[in-house]
Amino acid sequence: MKITRTPFEDVLIIEPNILKDERGLFFETYRQSLLDEALGREIKFVQENQSTSIYGVFRGFHFQLGEHAQAKLVRVISGAILDIIVNLHDGRAFSIELSEDNQQQLFIPNNFAHGFLTLTNSATLQYKCDKYYNKESEAGINVNDDVLKEHFQFPDNMILSDKDKSWPRLSELM
């Protein structure tokens, strides 16, 4: 596995070594020791989630508050997404396309909000979390925030849940 650092501390892009032949392909999706070494600390995942979304769906920006804040390791099983994270301390954002073709993963520390836009007819996303989901600690940022729109071209016809439409804007949280 190849681990690449991003401009954000502890936000990592993980690329597997893919072995392909006439039968198909094989690759290791996760190795605890490599992630621990790259982070300089031990991470222990306790929950794994999977979601499937159709084209144009935006899910996010989600995060957990306080002691329930979650670090995540995100990967796409099928399709493609634009994965976007927002630093909750300073509002800076980072994005990467994750897809079944590139098989890259994104490690997101617990001080980031996370969201993604489905780029293909459908996409299935799987992610590990280092803390259990806690409904009372659930929070989010509204995707229609002017600061975020300056950095990302969101389509006008995005499909959002009512809950995701109701989150406050980034400026209200900062």
C-alpha atoms as a PDB file:
ATOM      1  CA  MET A   1       0.000   0.000   0.000  1.00  0.00           C
ATOM      2  CA  LYS A   2       1.097   3.519  -0.756  1.00  0.00           C
ATOM      3  CA  ILE A   3       0.142   6.219   1.744  1.00  0.00           C
ATOM      4  CA  THR A   4       0.217   9.852   0.596  1.00  0.00           C
ATOM      5  CA  ARG A   5      -0.080  12.820   2.918  1.00  0.00           C
ATOM      6  CA  THR A   6      -2.382  15.712   2.019  1.00  0.00           C
ATOM      7  CA  PRO A   7      -2.074  19.392   2.991  1.00  0.00           C
ATOM      8  CA  PHE A   8      -4.050  18.509   6.155  1.00  0.00           C
ATOM      9  CA  GLU A   9      -2.380  16.848   9.118  1.00  0.00           C
ATOM     10  CA  ASP A  10      -3.392  13.188   9.387  1.00  0.00           C
ATOM     11  CA  VAL A  11      -5.636  13.255   6.285  1.00  0.00           C
ATOM     12  CA  LEU A  12      -4.189  10.408   4.236  1.00  0.00           C
ATOM     13  CA  ILE A  13      -4.789   8.953   0.770  1.00  0.00           C
ATOM     14  CA  ILE A  14      -4.240   5.208   0.728  1.00  0.00           C
ATOM     15  CA  GLU A  15      -3.637   3.392  -2.555  1.00  0.00           C
ATOM     16  CA  PRO A  16      -3.552  -0.402  -2.662  1.00  0.00           C
ATOM     17  CA  ASN A  17      -1.157  -2.515  -4.682  1.00  0.00           C
ATOM     18  CA  ILE A  18      -3.565  -4.110  -7.149  1.00  0.00           C
ATOM     19  CA  LEU A  19      -2.664  -7.467  -8.636  1.00  0.00           C
ATOM     20  CA  LYS A  20      -4.473  -8.064 -11.949  1.00  0.00           C
ATOM     21  CA  ASP A  21      -4.454 -11.012 -14.318  1.00  0.00           C
ATOM     22  CA  GLU A  22      -6.862 -12.795 -16.652  1.00  0.00           C
ATOM     23  CA  ARG A  23      -8.875 -14.074 -13.657  1.00  0.00           C
ATOM     24  CA  GLY A  24      -9.560 -10.628 -12.207  1.00  0.00           C
ATOM     25  CA  LEU A  25      -7.835  -8.740  -9.446  1.00  0.00           C
ATOM     26  CA  PHE A  26      -6.766  -8.924  -5.822  1.00  0.00           C
ATOM     27  CA  PHE A  27      -5.672  -6.301  -3.336  1.00  0.00           C
ATOM     28  CA  GLU A  28      -5.377  -5.745   0.372  1.00  0.00           C
ATOM     29  CA  THR A  29      -7.949  -3.159   1.478  1.00  0.00           C
ATOM     30  CA  TYR A  30      -6.667  -2.500   4.992  1.00  0.00           C
ATOM     31  CA  ARG A  31      -3.568  -3.066   7.085  1.00  0.00           C
ATOM     32  CA  GLN A  32      -3.680  -1.768  10.645  1.00  0.00           C
ATOM     33  CA  SER A  33       0.095  -1.561  11.103  1.00  0.00           C
ATOM     34  CA  LEU A  34       0.633   0.661   8.032  1.00  0.00           C
ATOM     35  CA  LEU A  35      -2.056   3.126   9.075  1.00  0.00           C
ATOM     36  CA  ASP A  36      -0.748   3.226  12.659  1.00  0.00           C
ATOM     37  CA  GLU A  37       2.773   3.868  11.388  1.00  0.00           C
ATOM     38  CA  ALA A  38       1.647   6.674   9.063  1.00  0.00           C
ATOM     39  CA  LEU A  39      -0.370   8.331  11.858  1.00  0.00           C
ATOM     40  CA  GLY A  40       2.252   7.801  14.537  1.00  0.00           C
ATOM     41  CA  ARG A  41      -0.432   6.397  16.826  1.00  0.00           C
ATOM     42  CA  GLU A  42      -2.741   3.421  17.050  1.00  0.00           C
ATOM     43  CA  ILE A  43      -6.203   3.631  15.521  1.00  0.00           C
ATOM     44  CA  LYS A  44      -8.865   1.061  16.353  1.00  0.00           C
ATOM     45  CA  PHE A  45     -11.985   0.858  14.218  1.00  0.00           C
ATOM     46  CA  VAL A  46     -15.142  -0.281  16.021  1.00  0.00           C
ATOM     47  CA  GLN A  47     -17.891   0.171  13.421  1.00  0.00           C
ATOM     48  CA  GLU A  48     -18.174  -0.258   9.643  1.00  0.00           C
ATOM     49  CA  ASN A  49     -20.949   1.285   7.536  1.00  0.00           C
ATOM     50  CA  GLN A  50     -22.046   0.934   3.924  1.00  0.00           C
ATOM     51  CA  SER A  51     -24.283   3.169   1.835  1.00  0.00           C
ATOM     52  CA  THR A  52     -25.460   3.120  -1.753  1.00  0.00           C
ATOM     53  CA  SER A  53     -26.575   6.323  -3.482  1.00  0.00           C
ATOM     54  CA  ILE A  54     -27.856   7.169  -6.936  1.00  0.00           C
ATOM     55  CA  TYR A  55     -26.390   9.807  -9.265  1.00  0.00           C
ATOM     56  CA  GLY A  56     -26.581  13.341  -7.930  1.00  0.00           C
ATOM     57  CA  VAL A  57     -27.095  12.431  -4.273  1.00  0.00           C
ATOM     58  CA  PHE A  58     -25.076  14.483  -1.813  1.00  0.00           C
ATOM     59  CA  ARG A  59     -24.746  13.028   1.686  1.00  0.00           C
ATOM     60  CA  GLY A  60     -23.257  15.280   4.305  1.00  0.00           C
ATOM     61  CA  PHE A  61     -21.534  17.185   5.623  1.00  0.00           C
ATOM     62  CA  HIS A  62     -21.725  15.000   8.733  1.00  0.00           C
ATOM     63  CA  PHE A  63     -19.694  14.768  11.916  1.00  0.00           C
ATOM     64  CA  GLN A  64     -20.040  13.716  15.552  1.00  0.00           C
ATOM     65  CA  LEU A  65     -19.492  16.142  18.426  1.00  0.00           C
ATOM     66  CA  GLY A  66     -17.275  15.900  21.519  1.00  0.00           C
ATOM     67  CA  GLU A  67     -16.186  12.534  22.826  1.00  0.00           C
ATOM     68  CA  HIS A  68     -18.110  10.819  20.009  1.00  0.00           C
ATOM     69  CA  ALA A  69     -16.131  12.514  17.204  1.00  0.00           C
ATOM     70  CA  GLN A  70     -15.199   9.857  14.643  1.00  0.00           C
ATOM     71  CA  ALA A  71     -12.148   9.246  12.517  1.00  0.00           C
ATOM     72  CA  LYS A  72     -13.127   7.432   9.295  1.00  0.00           C
ATOM     73  CA  LEU A  73     -11.491   5.327   6.599  1.00  0.00           C
ATOM     74  CA  VAL A  74     -13.595   5.709   3.431  1.00  0.00           C
ATOM     75  CA  ARG A  75     -13.559   3.585   0.287  1.00  0.00           C
ATOM     76  CA  VAL A  76     -15.804   3.081  -2.745  1.00  0.00           C
ATOM     77  CA  ILE A  77     -16.786  -0.467  -3.654  1.00  0.00           C
ATOM     78  CA  SER A  78     -18.659   0.408  -6.850  1.00  0.00           C
ATOM     79  CA  GLY A  79     -19.144   3.589  -8.860  1.00  0.00           C
ATOM     80  CA  ALA A  80     -17.479   6.922  -8.108  1.00  0.00           C
ATOM     81  CA  ILE A  81     -17.905   9.804  -5.677  1.00  0.00           C
ATOM     82  CA  LEU A  82     -16.442  13.207  -5.052  1.00  0.00           C
ATOM     83  CA  ASP A  83     -15.447  12.899  -1.408  1.00  0.00           C
ATOM     84  CA  ILE A  84     -15.167  16.230   0.433  1.00  0.00           C
ATOM     85  CA  ILE A  85     -13.974  16.971   3.941  1.00  0.00           C
ATOM     86  CA  VAL A  86     -14.121  20.257   5.852  1.00  0.00           C
ATOM     87  CA  ASN A  87     -11.739  21.099   8.692  1.00  0.00           C
ATOM     88  CA  LEU A  88     -13.934  22.056  11.637  1.00  0.00           C
ATOM     89  CA  HIS A  89     -11.221  24.276  13.138  1.00  0.00           C
ATOM     90  CA  ASP A  90     -10.613  26.616  10.197  1.00  0.00           C
ATOM     91  CA  GLY A  91     -13.190  25.791   7.502  1.00  0.00           C
ATOM     92  CA  ARG A  92     -10.626  24.716   4.897  1.00  0.00           C
ATOM     93  CA  ALA A  93     -11.753  21.897   2.630  1.00  0.00           C
ATOM     94  CA  PHE A  94     -10.205  19.055   0.633  1.00  0.00           C
ATOM     95  CA  SER A  95     -11.711  16.819  -2.035  1.00  0.00           C
ATOM     96  CA  ILE A  96     -10.739  13.680  -3.904  1.00  0.00           C
ATOM     97  CA  GLU A  97     -12.496  11.396  -6.356  1.00  0.00           C
ATOM     98  CA  LEU A  98     -12.786   7.898  -4.923  1.00  0.00           C
ATOM     99  CA  SER A  99     -13.894   5.157  -7.282  1.00  0.00           C
ATOM    100  CA  GLU A 100     -13.964   1.463  -7.974  1.00  0.00           C
ATOM    101  CA  ASP A 101     -11.408   2.189 -10.716  1.00  0.00           C
ATOM    102  CA  ASN A 102      -8.754   3.927  -8.598  1.00  0.00           C
ATOM    103  CA  GLN A 103      -9.527   1.994  -5.366  1.00  0.00           C
ATOM    104  CA  GLN A 104      -8.080   4.842  -3.308  1.00  0.00           C
ATOM    105  CA  GLN A 105      -9.182   5.322   0.277  1.00  0.00           C
ATOM    106  CA  LEU A 106      -9.284   8.443   2.412  1.00  0.00           C
ATOM    107  CA  PHE A 107      -8.447   8.516   6.115  1.00  0.00           C
ATOM    108  CA  ILE A 108     -10.323  11.383   7.785  1.00  0.00           C
ATOM    109  CA  PRO A 109      -9.385  12.434  11.339  1.00  0.00           C
ATOM    110  CA  ASN A 110     -12.086  13.241  13.861  1.00  0.00           C
ATOM    111  CA  ASN A 111     -11.921  17.042  13.486  1.00  0.00           C
ATOM    112  CA  PHE A 112     -13.437  17.033   9.981  1.00  0.00           C
ATOM    113  CA  ALA A 113     -16.956  17.063   8.562  1.00  0.00           C
ATOM    114  CA  HIS A 114     -17.453  14.546   5.739  1.00  0.00           C
ATOM    115  CA  GLY A 115     -19.696  14.563   2.685  1.00  0.00           C
ATOM    116  CA  PHE A 116     -19.802  13.078  -0.781  1.00  0.00           C
ATOM    117  CA  LEU A 117     -21.485  13.579  -4.134  1.00  0.00           C
ATOM    118  CA  THR A 118     -22.350  10.524  -6.255  1.00  0.00           C
ATOM    119  CA  LEU A 119     -20.813  10.911  -9.731  1.00  0.00           C
ATOM    120  CA  THR A 120     -22.018   7.673 -11.396  1.00  0.00           C
ATOM    121  CA  ASN A 121     -25.449   6.041 -11.855  1.00  0.00           C
ATOM    122  CA  SER A 122     -24.950   4.625  -8.385  1.00  0.00           C
ATOM    123  CA  ALA A 123     -22.085   4.277  -5.948  1.00  0.00           C
ATOM    124  CA  THR A 124     -21.550   2.063  -2.937  1.00  0.00           C
ATOM    125  CA  LEU A 125     -19.394   3.498  -0.200  1.00  0.00           C
ATOM    126  CA  GLN A 126     -17.959   1.656   2.788  1.00  0.00           C
ATOM    127  CA  TYR A 127     -16.304   3.306   5.762  1.00  0.00           C
ATOM    128  CA  LYS A 128     -14.799   2.303   9.066  1.00  0.00           C
ATOM    129  CA  CYS A 129     -15.215   4.480  12.198  1.00  0.00           C
ATOM    130  CA  ASP A 130     -13.108   4.576  15.354  1.00  0.00           C
ATOM    131  CA  LYS A 131     -16.079   5.519  17.564  1.00  0.00           C
ATOM    132  CA  TYR A 132     -19.645   4.278  17.620  1.00  0.00           C
ATOM    133  CA  TYR A 133     -22.342   6.470  16.079  1.00  0.00           C
ATOM    134  CA  ASN A 134     -24.215   8.472  18.725  1.00  0.00           C
ATOM    135  CA  LYS A 135     -27.476  10.101  17.626  1.00  0.00           C
ATOM    136  CA  GLU A 136     -27.311  12.838  20.293  1.00  0.00           C
ATOM    137  CA  SER A 137     -23.840  13.886  19.035  1.00  0.00           C
ATOM    138  CA  GLU A 138     -24.852  14.059  15.366  1.00  0.00           C
ATOM    139  CA  ALA A 139     -24.122  17.361  13.610  1.00  0.00           C
ATOM    140  CA  GLY A 140     -23.588  18.708  10.111  1.00  0.00           C
ATOM    141  CA  ILE A 141     -22.868  21.594   7.777  1.00  0.00           C
ATOM    142  CA  ASN A 142     -25.246  22.730   5.046  1.00  0.00           C
ATOM    143  CA  VAL A 143     -23.825  22.018   1.585  1.00  0.00           C
ATOM    144  CA  ASN A 144     -25.336  25.286   0.322  1.00  0.00           C
ATOM    145  CA  ASP A 145     -22.819  27.286   2.357  1.00  0.00           C
ATOM    146  CA  ASP A 146     -21.363  30.184   0.328  1.00  0.00           C
ATOM    147  CA  VAL A 147     -17.798  29.465   1.528  1.00  0.00           C
ATOM    148  CA  LEU A 148     -17.980  25.881   0.280  1.00  0.00           C
ATOM    149  CA  LYS A 149     -19.564  26.914  -3.038  1.00  0.00           C
ATOM    150  CA  GLU A 150     -16.506  29.110  -3.691  1.00  0.00           C
ATOM    151  CA  HIS A 151     -14.341  25.951  -3.751  1.00  0.00           C
ATOM    152  CA  PHE A 152     -16.625  23.322  -5.272  1.00  0.00           C
ATOM    153  CA  GLN A 153     -18.982  23.217  -8.241  1.00  0.00           C
ATOM    154  CA  PHE A 154     -22.063  21.536  -6.846  1.00  0.00           C
ATOM    155  CA  PRO A 155     -24.786  20.749  -9.393  1.00  0.00           C
ATOM    156  CA  ASP A 156     -28.054  22.666  -9.012  1.00  0.00           C
ATOM    157  CA  ASN A 157     -30.068  19.443  -9.146  1.00  0.00           C
ATOM    158  CA  MET A 158     -28.338  17.675  -6.226  1.00  0.00           C
ATOM    159  CA  ILE A 159     -30.521  15.305  -4.251  1.00  0.00           C
ATOM    160  CA  LEU A 160     -30.394  16.106  -0.527  1.00  0.00           C
ATOM    161  CA  SER A 161     -32.197  14.638   2.454  1.00  0.00           C
ATOM    162  CA  ASP A 162     -34.366  16.992   4.501  1.00  0.00           C
ATOM    163  CA  LYS A 163     -31.925  16.569   7.395  1.00  0.00           C
ATOM    164  CA  ASP A 164     -28.939  17.559   5.236  1.00  0.00           C
ATOM    165  CA  LYS A 165     -30.848  20.636   4.015  1.00  0.00           C
ATOM    166  CA  SER A 166     -31.465  21.682   7.627  1.00  0.00           C
ATOM    167  CA  TRP A 167     -27.862  21.779   8.872  1.00  0.00           C
ATOM    168  CA  PRO A 168     -26.466  25.237   9.703  1.00  0.00           C
ATOM    169  CA  ARG A 169     -24.018  26.978   7.387  1.00  0.00           C
ATOM    170  CA  LEU A 170     -20.291  26.798   8.076  1.00  0.00           C
ATOM    171  CA  SER A 171     -20.184  30.490   9.008  1.00  0.00           C
ATOM    172  CA  GLU A 172     -22.718  29.810  11.783  1.00  0.00           C
ATOM    173  CA  LEU A 173     -20.506  27.095  13.252  1.00  0.00           C
ATOM    174  CA  MET A 174     -17.194  28.920  13.045  1.00  0.00           C
END
